[in-house]
Amino acid sequence: MQALMEGRTGWPMVDACVAMLRETGWLNFRMRSMLVSVAAYPLWLHWRPVGEWLAREFLDCEPGIHWSQMQMQSGTTGTTGINTTLVYNPVKQAQDQVPHGRFVRHWLPALQQVPDTWLFQPWLMPPDLQQRMGLRPGVDLVDPVVDLDTATWLAKDRVNALRARREVQAVQADILRRHGFRQRRTEQVAGPRQRRVAEVASQQIGFDF
């Protein structure tokens, strides 16, 4: 938890996001989701202290949205089958979202000279290259706190094991019975008056008066 809050997980995209969050109090939705996913899966942290930390950091934190998002993104509702588990790979996110690394280099200035080839996985850089760039192991370069692939696989395995339990499946069925496909059922049982109300409401929502 401390490594995450200090932005020293060793994954540049994660640590850059934490640096920006601490400086500005804001991140876009995808990066918020990634932070929670990384905390929940490879780091296997409980969602509540992670949520409390983020609530203190976000300038736009709204509790009603924040805590429901925390539960969804961390897989809490995924365990009950309401949402698919959302597992963000921080290396792939960096490659997909900021392939040239400007975001990472801005928020992690120690990595400004690292070539694109190594920027998102700098712990794989040859030691002689690290030395030529003046990078200090443990200071400018931090090894990942866990092996990403192994830790993520173990986390998914744990969640899938929970979802396979009979008591969890019973909760899944109950929630789906109460809340699943509600709109479809409403349309099926709606009479002429209800359908007319829905039609008028649809026109109003579309501003097609």
N, C-alpha and C. Protein backbone atom coordinates (compact mmCIF):
# COMPACT_ATOMS: atom_id res chain seq x y z
N MET A 1 0.83 -1.20 0.00
CA MET A 1 0.00 0.00 0.00
C MET A 1 0.88 1.26 0.00
N GLN A 2 1.93 1.23 0.80
CA GLN A 2 2.80 2.40 0.90
C GLN A 2 3.50 2.68 -0.44
N ALA A 3 3.95 1.62 -1.10
CA ALA A 3 4.60 1.80 -2.39
C ALA A 3 3.65 2.41 -3.40
N LEU A 4 2.40 2.02 -3.37
CA LEU A 4 1.41 2.58 -4.29
C LEU A 4 1.19 4.06 -3.98
N MET A 5 0.97 4.40 -2.73
CA MET A 5 0.69 5.79 -2.36
C MET A 5 1.88 6.71 -2.66
N GLU A 6 3.09 6.16 -2.58
CA GLU A 6 4.28 6.96 -2.85
C GLU A 6 4.67 6.96 -4.32
N GLY A 7 3.93 6.21 -5.15
CA GLY A 7 4.27 6.14 -6.56
C GLY A 7 5.59 5.45 -6.80
N ARG A 8 5.82 4.36 -6.08
CA ARG A 8 7.06 3.61 -6.22
C ARG A 8 6.76 2.11 -6.39
N THR A 9 5.80 1.84 -7.27
CA THR A 9 5.47 0.44 -7.55
C THR A 9 6.47 -0.18 -8.51
N GLY A 10 7.19 0.64 -9.27
CA GLY A 10 8.11 0.15 -10.28
C GLY A 10 7.51 0.10 -11.67
N TRP A 11 6.19 0.26 -11.78
CA TRP A 11 5.52 0.31 -13.08
C TRP A 11 5.37 1.78 -13.46
N PRO A 12 6.10 2.26 -14.46
CA PRO A 12 6.12 3.70 -14.75
C PRO A 12 4.75 4.34 -14.98
N MET A 13 3.85 3.63 -15.65
CA MET A 13 2.53 4.24 -15.90
C MET A 13 1.78 4.46 -14.60
N VAL A 14 1.87 3.51 -13.70
CA VAL A 14 1.21 3.64 -12.40
C VAL A 14 1.85 4.76 -11.60
N ASP A 15 3.17 4.77 -11.53
CA ASP A 15 3.86 5.76 -10.71
C ASP A 15 3.69 7.17 -11.29
N ALA A 16 3.62 7.29 -12.62
CA ALA A 16 3.38 8.59 -13.23
C ALA A 16 1.97 9.09 -12.90
N CYS A 17 1.00 8.19 -12.89
CA CYS A 17 -0.37 8.57 -12.53
C CYS A 17 -0.44 9.05 -11.08
N VAL A 18 0.25 8.36 -10.20
CA VAL A 18 0.25 8.76 -8.79
C VAL A 18 0.92 10.12 -8.64
N ALA A 19 2.01 10.35 -9.38
CA ALA A 19 2.68 11.65 -9.32
C ALA A 19 1.75 12.77 -9.79
N MET A 20 1.03 12.53 -10.88
CA MET A 20 0.09 13.53 -11.37
C MET A 20 -1.05 13.75 -10.38
N LEU A 21 -1.56 12.66 -9.81
CA LEU A 21 -2.66 12.77 -8.85
C LEU A 21 -2.25 13.59 -7.64
N ARG A 22 -1.06 13.34 -7.13
CA ARG A 22 -0.59 14.07 -5.96
C ARG A 22 -0.39 15.55 -6.26
N GLU A 23 -0.01 15.86 -7.51
CA GLU A 23 0.25 17.24 -7.89
C GLU A 23 -1.02 18.00 -8.25
N THR A 24 -1.95 17.33 -8.94
CA THR A 24 -3.12 18.03 -9.49
C THR A 24 -4.44 17.65 -8.85
N GLY A 25 -4.50 16.49 -8.20
CA GLY A 25 -5.76 16.03 -7.63
C GLY A 25 -6.73 15.46 -8.65
N TRP A 26 -6.22 15.13 -9.85
CA TRP A 26 -7.12 14.67 -10.91
C TRP A 26 -6.44 13.64 -11.78
N LEU A 27 -7.25 12.69 -12.28
CA LEU A 27 -6.85 11.74 -13.32
C LEU A 27 -8.07 11.46 -14.18
N ASN A 28 -7.84 11.05 -15.42
CA ASN A 28 -9.01 10.69 -16.23
C ASN A 28 -9.56 9.34 -15.77
N PHE A 29 -10.72 8.98 -16.29
CA PHE A 29 -11.43 7.81 -15.79
C PHE A 29 -10.63 6.53 -16.00
N ARG A 30 -10.01 6.39 -17.18
CA ARG A 30 -9.27 5.15 -17.46
C ARG A 30 -8.12 4.96 -16.48
N MET A 31 -7.41 6.04 -16.16
CA MET A 31 -6.27 5.91 -15.26
C MET A 31 -6.73 5.70 -13.81
N ARG A 32 -7.87 6.25 -13.44
CA ARG A 32 -8.43 5.95 -12.12
C ARG A 32 -8.75 4.46 -12.03
N SER A 33 -9.37 3.94 -13.08
CA SER A 33 -9.70 2.52 -13.11
C SER A 33 -8.44 1.67 -13.04
N MET A 34 -7.40 2.09 -13.76
CA MET A 34 -6.17 1.31 -13.76
C MET A 34 -5.55 1.26 -12.38
N LEU A 35 -5.53 2.40 -11.67
CA LEU A 35 -4.95 2.41 -10.33
C LEU A 35 -5.68 1.44 -9.41
N VAL A 36 -7.00 1.45 -9.47
CA VAL A 36 -7.78 0.57 -8.59
C VAL A 36 -7.56 -0.89 -8.99
N SER A 37 -7.53 -1.16 -10.29
CA SER A 37 -7.32 -2.53 -10.74
C SER A 37 -5.95 -3.05 -10.32
N VAL A 38 -4.92 -2.24 -10.47
CA VAL A 38 -3.57 -2.65 -10.07
C VAL A 38 -3.52 -2.90 -8.56
N ALA A 39 -4.18 -2.03 -7.81
CA ALA A 39 -4.21 -2.22 -6.36
C ALA A 39 -4.91 -3.52 -5.99
N ALA A 40 -6.01 -3.82 -6.68
CA ALA A 40 -6.84 -4.97 -6.30
C ALA A 40 -6.27 -6.29 -6.77
N TYR A 41 -5.65 -6.31 -7.94
CA TYR A 41 -5.23 -7.60 -8.50
C TYR A 41 -3.76 -7.91 -8.25
N PRO A 42 -2.81 -7.36 -9.01
CA PRO A 42 -1.42 -7.76 -8.72
C PRO A 42 -0.96 -7.41 -7.31
N LEU A 43 -1.45 -6.28 -6.76
CA LEU A 43 -1.03 -5.92 -5.40
C LEU A 43 -1.91 -6.57 -4.34
N TRP A 44 -3.09 -7.05 -4.72
CA TRP A 44 -4.02 -7.77 -3.83
C TRP A 44 -4.30 -6.97 -2.55
N LEU A 45 -4.62 -5.70 -2.73
CA LEU A 45 -4.95 -4.83 -1.61
C LEU A 45 -6.46 -4.75 -1.43
N HIS A 46 -6.88 -4.58 -0.20
CA HIS A 46 -8.31 -4.42 0.08
C HIS A 46 -8.78 -3.09 -0.49
N TRP A 47 -9.99 -3.11 -1.08
CA TRP A 47 -10.48 -1.91 -1.77
C TRP A 47 -10.75 -0.74 -0.84
N ARG A 48 -11.06 -1.00 0.45
CA ARG A 48 -11.46 0.11 1.31
C ARG A 48 -10.31 1.10 1.61
N PRO A 49 -9.14 0.64 2.09
CA PRO A 49 -8.06 1.62 2.32
C PRO A 49 -7.59 2.28 1.03
N VAL A 50 -7.62 1.54 -0.07
CA VAL A 50 -7.27 2.16 -1.35
C VAL A 50 -8.27 3.25 -1.68
N GLY A 51 -9.55 2.98 -1.46
CA GLY A 51 -10.58 3.97 -1.72
C GLY A 51 -10.47 5.19 -0.82
N GLU A 52 -10.11 4.97 0.42
CA GLU A 52 -9.94 6.09 1.35
C GLU A 52 -8.78 6.98 0.92
N TRP A 53 -7.68 6.35 0.48
CA TRP A 53 -6.53 7.12 -0.01
C TRP A 53 -6.92 7.95 -1.24
N LEU A 54 -7.58 7.32 -2.21
CA LEU A 54 -7.97 8.04 -3.42
C LEU A 54 -8.98 9.15 -3.12
N ALA A 55 -9.88 8.90 -2.19
CA ALA A 55 -10.87 9.93 -1.82
C ALA A 55 -10.18 11.17 -1.27
N ARG A 56 -9.09 10.98 -0.56
CA ARG A 56 -8.34 12.13 -0.04
C ARG A 56 -7.61 12.87 -1.15
N GLU A 57 -7.22 12.16 -2.19
CA GLU A 57 -6.44 12.76 -3.27
C GLU A 57 -7.29 13.44 -4.33
N PHE A 58 -8.45 12.87 -4.66
CA PHE A 58 -9.28 13.41 -5.73
C PHE A 58 -9.92 14.73 -5.32
N LEU A 59 -9.72 15.75 -6.13
CA LEU A 59 -10.39 17.03 -5.86
C LEU A 59 -11.88 16.93 -6.16
N ASP A 60 -12.27 16.03 -7.06
CA ASP A 60 -13.66 15.93 -7.48
C ASP A 60 -14.34 14.69 -6.90
N CYS A 61 -13.86 14.21 -5.78
CA CYS A 61 -14.44 13.00 -5.20
C CYS A 61 -15.88 13.24 -4.76
N GLU A 62 -16.79 12.41 -5.29
CA GLU A 62 -18.19 12.44 -4.87
C GLU A 62 -18.49 11.06 -4.32
N PRO A 63 -18.78 10.94 -3.03
CA PRO A 63 -18.87 9.61 -2.39
C PRO A 63 -19.80 8.64 -3.09
N GLY A 64 -20.96 9.11 -3.54
CA GLY A 64 -21.92 8.20 -4.17
C GLY A 64 -21.38 7.54 -5.43
N ILE A 65 -20.56 8.27 -6.15
CA ILE A 65 -19.94 7.72 -7.36
C ILE A 65 -18.66 6.97 -7.00
N HIS A 66 -17.87 7.58 -6.13
CA HIS A 66 -16.54 7.04 -5.83
C HIS A 66 -16.60 5.62 -5.29
N TRP A 67 -17.46 5.38 -4.30
CA TRP A 67 -17.42 4.07 -3.65
C TRP A 67 -18.05 2.98 -4.52
N SER A 68 -19.06 3.32 -5.30
CA SER A 68 -19.60 2.30 -6.21
C SER A 68 -18.58 1.96 -7.29
N GLN A 69 -17.84 2.96 -7.76
CA GLN A 69 -16.79 2.70 -8.74
C GLN A 69 -15.65 1.88 -8.11
N MET A 70 -15.32 2.18 -6.87
CA MET A 70 -14.29 1.41 -6.20
C MET A 70 -14.65 -0.07 -6.17
N GLN A 71 -15.88 -0.36 -5.80
CA GLN A 71 -16.31 -1.75 -5.71
C GLN A 71 -16.33 -2.42 -7.07
N MET A 72 -16.78 -1.69 -8.10
CA MET A 72 -16.84 -2.28 -9.42
C MET A 72 -15.44 -2.51 -9.98
N GLN A 73 -14.58 -1.48 -9.92
CA GLN A 73 -13.26 -1.58 -10.54
C GLN A 73 -12.35 -2.56 -9.79
N SER A 74 -12.57 -2.71 -8.49
CA SER A 74 -11.71 -3.61 -7.72
C SER A 74 -12.17 -5.06 -7.80
N GLY A 75 -13.29 -5.31 -8.47
CA GLY A 75 -13.75 -6.68 -8.63
C GLY A 75 -14.68 -7.15 -7.54
N THR A 76 -15.05 -6.27 -6.59
CA THR A 76 -15.96 -6.69 -5.53
C THR A 76 -17.28 -7.14 -6.10
N THR A 77 -17.85 -6.33 -7.03
CA THR A 77 -19.09 -6.76 -7.67
C THR A 77 -18.81 -7.83 -8.71
N GLY A 78 -17.59 -7.86 -9.25
CA GLY A 78 -17.24 -8.93 -10.18
C GLY A 78 -17.28 -10.28 -9.51
N THR A 79 -16.97 -10.33 -8.23
CA THR A 79 -17.00 -11.59 -7.50
C THR A 79 -18.41 -12.15 -7.44
N THR A 80 -19.40 -11.28 -7.38
CA THR A 80 -20.78 -11.74 -7.32
C THR A 80 -21.39 -11.91 -8.71
N GLY A 81 -20.59 -11.66 -9.75
CA GLY A 81 -21.07 -11.91 -11.10
C GLY A 81 -21.83 -10.78 -11.73
N ILE A 82 -21.90 -9.61 -11.07
CA ILE A 82 -22.64 -8.49 -11.63
C ILE A 82 -21.83 -7.81 -12.72
N ASN A 83 -20.54 -7.73 -12.56
CA ASN A 83 -19.67 -7.15 -13.57
C ASN A 83 -18.52 -8.10 -13.86
N THR A 84 -18.04 -8.04 -15.09
CA THR A 84 -16.83 -8.78 -15.43
C THR A 84 -15.66 -8.16 -14.69
N THR A 85 -14.75 -8.98 -14.23
CA THR A 85 -13.58 -8.44 -13.54
C THR A 85 -12.75 -7.61 -14.51
N LEU A 86 -12.38 -6.41 -14.09
CA LEU A 86 -11.65 -5.46 -14.92
C LEU A 86 -10.20 -5.46 -14.50
N VAL A 87 -9.35 -6.10 -15.27
CA VAL A 87 -7.94 -6.23 -14.92
C VAL A 87 -7.11 -5.43 -15.93
N TYR A 88 -6.55 -4.34 -15.48
CA TYR A 88 -5.73 -3.49 -16.34
C TYR A 88 -4.26 -3.88 -16.19
N ASN A 89 -3.61 -4.10 -17.32
CA ASN A 89 -2.17 -4.34 -17.32
C ASN A 89 -1.49 -2.99 -17.49
N PRO A 90 -0.74 -2.51 -16.49
CA PRO A 90 -0.17 -1.16 -16.57
C PRO A 90 0.88 -0.99 -17.66
N VAL A 91 1.53 -2.07 -18.04
CA VAL A 91 2.49 -1.98 -19.15
C VAL A 91 1.74 -1.82 -20.47
N LYS A 92 0.73 -2.63 -20.68
CA LYS A 92 -0.06 -2.54 -21.91
C LYS A 92 -0.80 -1.22 -21.99
N GLN A 93 -1.31 -0.73 -20.86
CA GLN A 93 -2.00 0.57 -20.86
C GLN A 93 -1.05 1.67 -21.31
N ALA A 94 0.18 1.62 -20.85
CA ALA A 94 1.16 2.63 -21.27
C ALA A 94 1.43 2.51 -22.76
N GLN A 95 1.61 1.31 -23.24
CA GLN A 95 1.89 1.10 -24.67
C GLN A 95 0.72 1.54 -25.54
N ASP A 96 -0.51 1.31 -25.06
CA ASP A 96 -1.69 1.66 -25.84
C ASP A 96 -2.02 3.15 -25.78
N GLN A 97 -1.91 3.73 -24.59
CA GLN A 97 -2.39 5.10 -24.37
C GLN A 97 -1.33 6.17 -24.61
N VAL A 98 -0.09 5.89 -24.27
CA VAL A 98 0.98 6.89 -24.43
C VAL A 98 2.20 6.24 -25.05
N PRO A 99 2.08 5.73 -26.28
CA PRO A 99 3.16 4.92 -26.86
C PRO A 99 4.50 5.64 -26.97
N HIS A 100 4.48 6.98 -27.05
CA HIS A 100 5.75 7.71 -27.14
C HIS A 100 6.26 8.18 -25.78
N GLY A 101 5.47 7.90 -24.74
CA GLY A 101 5.96 8.09 -23.38
C GLY A 101 6.01 9.51 -22.86
N ARG A 102 5.36 10.46 -23.51
CA ARG A 102 5.46 11.84 -23.04
C ARG A 102 4.88 12.02 -21.64
N PHE A 103 3.78 11.34 -21.39
CA PHE A 103 3.15 11.45 -20.07
C PHE A 103 4.08 10.91 -18.99
N VAL A 104 4.64 9.74 -19.22
CA VAL A 104 5.53 9.12 -18.24
C VAL A 104 6.77 9.98 -18.03
N ARG A 105 7.36 10.46 -19.10
CA ARG A 105 8.58 11.28 -18.98
C ARG A 105 8.32 12.60 -18.26
N HIS A 106 7.11 13.14 -18.46
CA HIS A 106 6.78 14.40 -17.79
C HIS A 106 6.69 14.22 -16.28
N TRP A 107 6.02 13.16 -15.85
CA TRP A 107 5.78 12.98 -14.43
C TRP A 107 6.86 12.18 -13.72
N LEU A 108 7.70 11.51 -14.48
CA LEU A 108 8.85 10.80 -13.91
C LEU A 108 10.10 11.30 -14.62
N PRO A 109 10.55 12.51 -14.30
CA PRO A 109 11.65 13.13 -15.05
C PRO A 109 12.95 12.31 -15.02
N ALA A 110 13.14 11.47 -14.04
CA ALA A 110 14.36 10.65 -14.01
C ALA A 110 14.43 9.72 -15.20
N LEU A 111 13.28 9.45 -15.83
CA LEU A 111 13.24 8.52 -16.96
C LEU A 111 13.24 9.23 -18.31
N GLN A 112 13.49 10.53 -18.32
CA GLN A 112 13.37 11.29 -19.56
C GLN A 112 14.27 10.77 -20.67
N GLN A 113 15.43 10.28 -20.34
CA GLN A 113 16.38 9.84 -21.36
C GLN A 113 16.26 8.36 -21.71
N VAL A 114 15.37 7.66 -21.04
CA VAL A 114 15.22 6.23 -21.31
C VAL A 114 14.57 6.04 -22.68
N PRO A 115 15.14 5.23 -23.54
CA PRO A 115 14.55 4.99 -24.87
C PRO A 115 13.16 4.37 -24.76
N ASP A 116 12.34 4.59 -25.79
CA ASP A 116 10.99 4.03 -25.81
C ASP A 116 10.99 2.52 -25.58
N THR A 117 12.00 1.85 -26.07
CA THR A 117 12.08 0.39 -25.96
C THR A 117 12.01 -0.08 -24.51
N TRP A 118 12.60 0.71 -23.61
CA TRP A 118 12.70 0.29 -22.21
C TRP A 118 11.82 1.11 -21.28
N LEU A 119 11.16 2.15 -21.80
CA LEU A 119 10.51 3.14 -20.91
C LEU A 119 9.45 2.53 -20.00
N PHE A 120 8.67 1.62 -20.52
CA PHE A 120 7.55 1.10 -19.73
C PHE A 120 7.91 -0.14 -18.92
N GLN A 121 9.11 -0.68 -19.17
CA GLN A 121 9.63 -1.78 -18.37
C GLN A 121 11.12 -1.53 -18.10
N PRO A 122 11.43 -0.43 -17.43
CA PRO A 122 12.84 -0.04 -17.30
C PRO A 122 13.68 -1.00 -16.47
N TRP A 123 13.04 -1.83 -15.66
CA TRP A 123 13.80 -2.80 -14.85
C TRP A 123 14.47 -3.86 -15.72
N LEU A 124 14.07 -3.93 -17.00
CA LEU A 124 14.68 -4.89 -17.92
C LEU A 124 15.90 -4.31 -18.64
N MET A 125 16.17 -3.04 -18.43
CA MET A 125 17.32 -2.41 -19.09
C MET A 125 18.62 -3.08 -18.66
N PRO A 126 19.55 -3.27 -19.59
CA PRO A 126 20.86 -3.80 -19.19
C PRO A 126 21.54 -2.87 -18.19
N PRO A 127 22.21 -3.41 -17.19
CA PRO A 127 22.84 -2.58 -16.16
C PRO A 127 23.80 -1.54 -16.72
N ASP A 128 24.54 -1.89 -17.79
CA ASP A 128 25.48 -0.92 -18.33
C ASP A 128 24.77 0.27 -18.95
N LEU A 129 23.58 0.04 -19.54
CA LEU A 129 22.79 1.13 -20.10
C LEU A 129 22.24 2.02 -18.99
N GLN A 130 21.79 1.40 -17.92
CA GLN A 130 21.33 2.17 -16.76
C GLN A 130 22.45 3.07 -16.25
N GLN A 131 23.62 2.52 -16.17
CA GLN A 131 24.76 3.27 -15.64
C GLN A 131 25.12 4.43 -16.55
N ARG A 132 25.12 4.20 -17.87
CA ARG A 132 25.45 5.27 -18.81
C ARG A 132 24.45 6.42 -18.74
N MET A 133 23.21 6.12 -18.38
CA MET A 133 22.19 7.16 -18.26
C MET A 133 22.17 7.80 -16.88
N GLY A 134 23.03 7.33 -15.99
CA GLY A 134 23.09 7.90 -14.66
C GLY A 134 21.92 7.53 -13.77
N LEU A 135 21.28 6.42 -14.09
CA LEU A 135 20.13 5.98 -13.31
C LEU A 135 20.60 5.15 -12.11
N ARG A 136 20.08 5.51 -10.95
CA ARG A 136 20.49 4.85 -9.71
C ARG A 136 19.48 3.78 -9.32
N PRO A 137 19.88 2.52 -9.31
CA PRO A 137 18.96 1.46 -8.89
C PRO A 137 18.43 1.71 -7.48
N GLY A 138 17.12 1.53 -7.31
CA GLY A 138 16.50 1.75 -6.02
C GLY A 138 16.14 3.20 -5.75
N VAL A 139 16.64 4.12 -6.57
CA VAL A 139 16.33 5.54 -6.41
C VAL A 139 15.59 6.04 -7.65
N ASP A 140 16.27 6.05 -8.79
CA ASP A 140 15.63 6.44 -10.04
C ASP A 140 14.90 5.28 -10.68
N LEU A 141 15.40 4.09 -10.47
CA LEU A 141 14.79 2.87 -11.00
C LEU A 141 14.38 1.98 -9.84
N VAL A 142 13.10 1.67 -9.79
CA VAL A 142 12.57 0.82 -8.72
C VAL A 142 12.08 -0.48 -9.35
N ASP A 143 12.53 -1.60 -8.85
CA ASP A 143 12.01 -2.87 -9.34
C ASP A 143 10.53 -3.00 -8.98
N PRO A 144 9.72 -3.59 -9.85
CA PRO A 144 8.31 -3.81 -9.52
C PRO A 144 8.15 -4.52 -8.19
N VAL A 145 7.15 -4.11 -7.43
CA VAL A 145 6.96 -4.68 -6.10
C VAL A 145 6.57 -6.16 -6.15
N VAL A 146 5.97 -6.57 -7.26
CA VAL A 146 5.66 -7.99 -7.48
C VAL A 146 5.87 -8.28 -8.96
N ASP A 147 5.99 -9.55 -9.31
CA ASP A 147 6.03 -9.92 -10.72
C ASP A 147 4.62 -9.79 -11.27
N LEU A 148 4.45 -8.91 -12.26
CA LEU A 148 3.12 -8.54 -12.74
C LEU A 148 2.34 -9.74 -13.25
N ASP A 149 2.93 -10.53 -14.12
CA ASP A 149 2.19 -11.64 -14.72
C ASP A 149 1.79 -12.68 -13.68
N THR A 150 2.72 -13.04 -12.82
CA THR A 150 2.43 -14.06 -11.81
C THR A 150 1.38 -13.59 -10.82
N ALA A 151 1.55 -12.35 -10.33
CA ALA A 151 0.61 -11.82 -9.33
C ALA A 151 -0.79 -11.65 -9.91
N THR A 152 -0.88 -11.22 -11.16
CA THR A 152 -2.18 -11.06 -11.79
C THR A 152 -2.86 -12.40 -11.99
N TRP A 153 -2.09 -13.39 -12.42
CA TRP A 153 -2.65 -14.72 -12.61
C TRP A 153 -3.17 -15.29 -11.29
N LEU A 154 -2.41 -15.13 -10.23
CA LEU A 154 -2.85 -15.63 -8.93
C LEU A 154 -4.12 -14.93 -8.47
N ALA A 155 -4.19 -13.61 -8.70
CA ALA A 155 -5.38 -12.86 -8.29
C ALA A 155 -6.62 -13.32 -9.05
N LYS A 156 -6.49 -13.49 -10.36
CA LYS A 156 -7.61 -13.96 -11.16
C LYS A 156 -8.05 -15.35 -10.69
N ASP A 157 -7.09 -16.19 -10.39
CA ASP A 157 -7.40 -17.54 -9.94
C ASP A 157 -8.18 -17.50 -8.63
N ARG A 158 -7.80 -16.60 -7.72
CA ARG A 158 -8.52 -16.48 -6.45
C ARG A 158 -9.95 -16.01 -6.67
N VAL A 159 -10.11 -15.00 -7.53
CA VAL A 159 -11.44 -14.47 -7.79
C VAL A 159 -12.32 -15.53 -8.46
N ASN A 160 -11.77 -16.23 -9.43
CA ASN A 160 -12.55 -17.28 -10.11
C ASN A 160 -12.94 -18.39 -9.13
N ALA A 161 -12.06 -18.67 -8.19
CA ALA A 161 -12.40 -19.69 -7.19
C ALA A 161 -13.56 -19.23 -6.32
N LEU A 162 -13.57 -17.95 -5.98
CA LEU A 162 -14.69 -17.41 -5.20
C LEU A 162 -15.99 -17.47 -5.99
N ARG A 163 -15.91 -17.12 -7.26
CA ARG A 163 -17.13 -17.12 -8.08
C ARG A 163 -17.70 -18.52 -8.25
N ALA A 164 -16.85 -19.54 -8.13
CA ALA A 164 -17.30 -20.91 -8.32
C ALA A 164 -18.00 -21.48 -7.08
N ARG A 165 -17.90 -20.79 -5.94
CA ARG A 165 -18.52 -21.31 -4.71
C ARG A 165 -20.04 -21.29 -4.83
N ARG A 166 -20.66 -22.30 -4.25
CA ARG A 166 -22.11 -22.44 -4.34
C ARG A 166 -22.82 -21.24 -3.70
N GLU A 167 -22.32 -20.79 -2.54
CA GLU A 167 -22.99 -19.68 -1.88
C GLU A 167 -22.87 -18.37 -2.66
N VAL A 168 -21.75 -18.21 -3.35
CA VAL A 168 -21.58 -17.01 -4.18
C VAL A 168 -22.49 -17.08 -5.39
N GLN A 169 -22.61 -18.24 -6.00
CA GLN A 169 -23.50 -18.40 -7.14
C GLN A 169 -24.95 -18.15 -6.75
N ALA A 170 -25.30 -18.49 -5.50
CA ALA A 170 -26.66 -18.22 -5.04
C ALA A 170 -26.91 -16.72 -4.95
N VAL A 171 -25.90 -15.98 -4.49
CA VAL A 171 -26.02 -14.52 -4.45
C VAL A 171 -26.12 -13.96 -5.86
N GLN A 172 -25.33 -14.50 -6.79
CA GLN A 172 -25.41 -14.06 -8.18
C GLN A 172 -26.82 -14.21 -8.72
N ALA A 173 -27.40 -15.39 -8.49
CA ALA A 173 -28.74 -15.66 -9.01
C ALA A 173 -29.76 -14.71 -8.41
N ASP A 174 -29.63 -14.44 -7.12
CA ASP A 174 -30.59 -13.55 -6.46
C ASP A 174 -30.49 -12.13 -7.00
N ILE A 175 -29.27 -11.65 -7.20
CA ILE A 175 -29.09 -10.29 -7.71
C ILE A 175 -29.61 -10.19 -9.13
N LEU A 176 -29.32 -11.18 -9.95
CA LEU A 176 -29.82 -11.15 -11.32
C LEU A 176 -31.34 -11.24 -11.36
N ARG A 177 -31.92 -12.01 -10.43
CA ARG A 177 -33.38 -12.10 -10.36
C ARG A 177 -34.00 -10.76 -10.02
N ARG A 178 -33.34 -10.03 -9.11
CA ARG A 178 -33.88 -8.75 -8.66
C ARG A 178 -33.63 -7.63 -9.67
N HIS A 179 -32.46 -7.64 -10.28
CA HIS A 179 -32.05 -6.46 -11.05
C HIS A 179 -31.73 -6.73 -12.52
N GLY A 180 -31.52 -7.97 -12.90
CA GLY A 180 -31.10 -8.26 -14.27
C GLY A 180 -32.22 -8.10 -15.27
N PHE A 181 -31.93 -7.52 -16.41
CA PHE A 181 -32.86 -7.39 -17.52
C PHE A 181 -34.16 -6.72 -17.12
N ARG A 182 -34.08 -5.78 -16.20
CA ARG A 182 -35.30 -5.12 -15.71
C ARG A 182 -36.00 -4.38 -16.83
N GLN A 183 -35.25 -3.70 -17.70
CA GLN A 183 -35.86 -2.92 -18.76
C GLN A 183 -36.63 -3.83 -19.72
N ARG A 184 -36.05 -5.00 -20.04
CA ARG A 184 -36.72 -5.90 -20.96
C ARG A 184 -38.02 -6.41 -20.37
N ARG A 185 -38.02 -6.75 -19.09
CA ARG A 185 -39.24 -7.24 -18.45
C ARG A 185 -40.30 -6.16 -18.42
N THR A 186 -39.89 -4.90 -18.16
CA THR A 186 -40.84 -3.79 -18.11
C THR A 186 -41.51 -3.60 -19.45
N GLU A 187 -40.72 -3.71 -20.54
CA GLU A 187 -41.29 -3.54 -21.87
C GLU A 187 -42.27 -4.65 -22.18
N GLN A 188 -41.99 -5.87 -21.68
CA GLN A 188 -42.87 -7.00 -21.98
C GLN A 188 -44.22 -6.87 -21.30
N VAL A 189 -44.25 -6.34 -20.08
CA VAL A 189 -45.51 -6.29 -19.34
C VAL A 189 -46.22 -4.96 -19.50
N ALA A 190 -45.60 -3.99 -20.19
CA ALA A 190 -46.20 -2.67 -20.30
C ALA A 190 -47.44 -2.72 -21.17
N GLY A 191 -48.51 -2.04 -20.70
CA GLY A 191 -49.72 -1.91 -21.48
C GLY A 191 -49.65 -0.72 -22.41
N PRO A 192 -50.77 -0.41 -23.14
CA PRO A 192 -50.77 0.71 -24.10
C PRO A 192 -50.41 2.04 -23.45
N ARG A 193 -50.94 2.31 -22.25
CA ARG A 193 -50.68 3.59 -21.60
C ARG A 193 -49.19 3.71 -21.25
N GLN A 194 -48.62 2.63 -20.70
CA GLN A 194 -47.22 2.66 -20.33
C GLN A 194 -46.33 2.84 -21.56
N ARG A 195 -46.72 2.18 -22.66
CA ARG A 195 -45.91 2.32 -23.88
C ARG A 195 -45.99 3.74 -24.41
N ARG A 196 -47.19 4.38 -24.29
CA ARG A 196 -47.34 5.76 -24.76
C ARG A 196 -46.49 6.70 -23.91
N VAL A 197 -46.49 6.50 -22.59
CA VAL A 197 -45.67 7.33 -21.70
C VAL A 197 -44.20 7.18 -22.05
N ALA A 198 -43.78 5.94 -22.30
CA ALA A 198 -42.39 5.71 -22.66
C ALA A 198 -42.04 6.39 -23.98
N GLU A 199 -43.00 6.37 -24.93
CA GLU A 199 -42.75 7.00 -26.23
C GLU A 199 -42.59 8.51 -26.09
N VAL A 200 -43.48 9.14 -25.29
CA VAL A 200 -43.38 10.57 -25.07
C VAL A 200 -42.08 10.92 -24.37
N ALA A 201 -41.73 10.14 -23.34
CA ALA A 201 -40.49 10.40 -22.61
C ALA A 201 -39.29 10.28 -23.54
N SER A 202 -39.33 9.30 -24.45
CA SER A 202 -38.22 9.15 -25.37
C SER A 202 -38.07 10.35 -26.27
N GLN A 203 -39.20 10.90 -26.73
CA GLN A 203 -39.16 12.09 -27.58
C GLN A 203 -38.62 13.30 -26.82
N GLN A 204 -39.00 13.43 -25.56
CA GLN A 204 -38.52 14.55 -24.76
C GLN A 204 -37.03 14.45 -24.51
N ILE A 205 -36.57 13.23 -24.20
CA ILE A 205 -35.15 13.04 -23.96
C ILE A 205 -34.35 13.40 -25.20
N GLY A 206 -34.91 13.12 -26.37
CA GLY A 206 -34.19 13.41 -27.62
C GLY A 206 -34.40 14.83 -28.11
N PHE A 207 -35.17 15.66 -27.37
CA PHE A 207 -35.44 17.05 -27.74
C PHE A 207 -36.13 17.14 -29.11
N ASP A 208 -36.87 16.07 -29.46
CA ASP A 208 -37.58 16.05 -30.74
C ASP A 208 -39.04 16.38 -30.47
N PHE A 209 -39.33 17.68 -30.16
CA PHE A 209 -40.68 18.07 -29.76
C PHE A 209 -41.59 18.21 -30.98
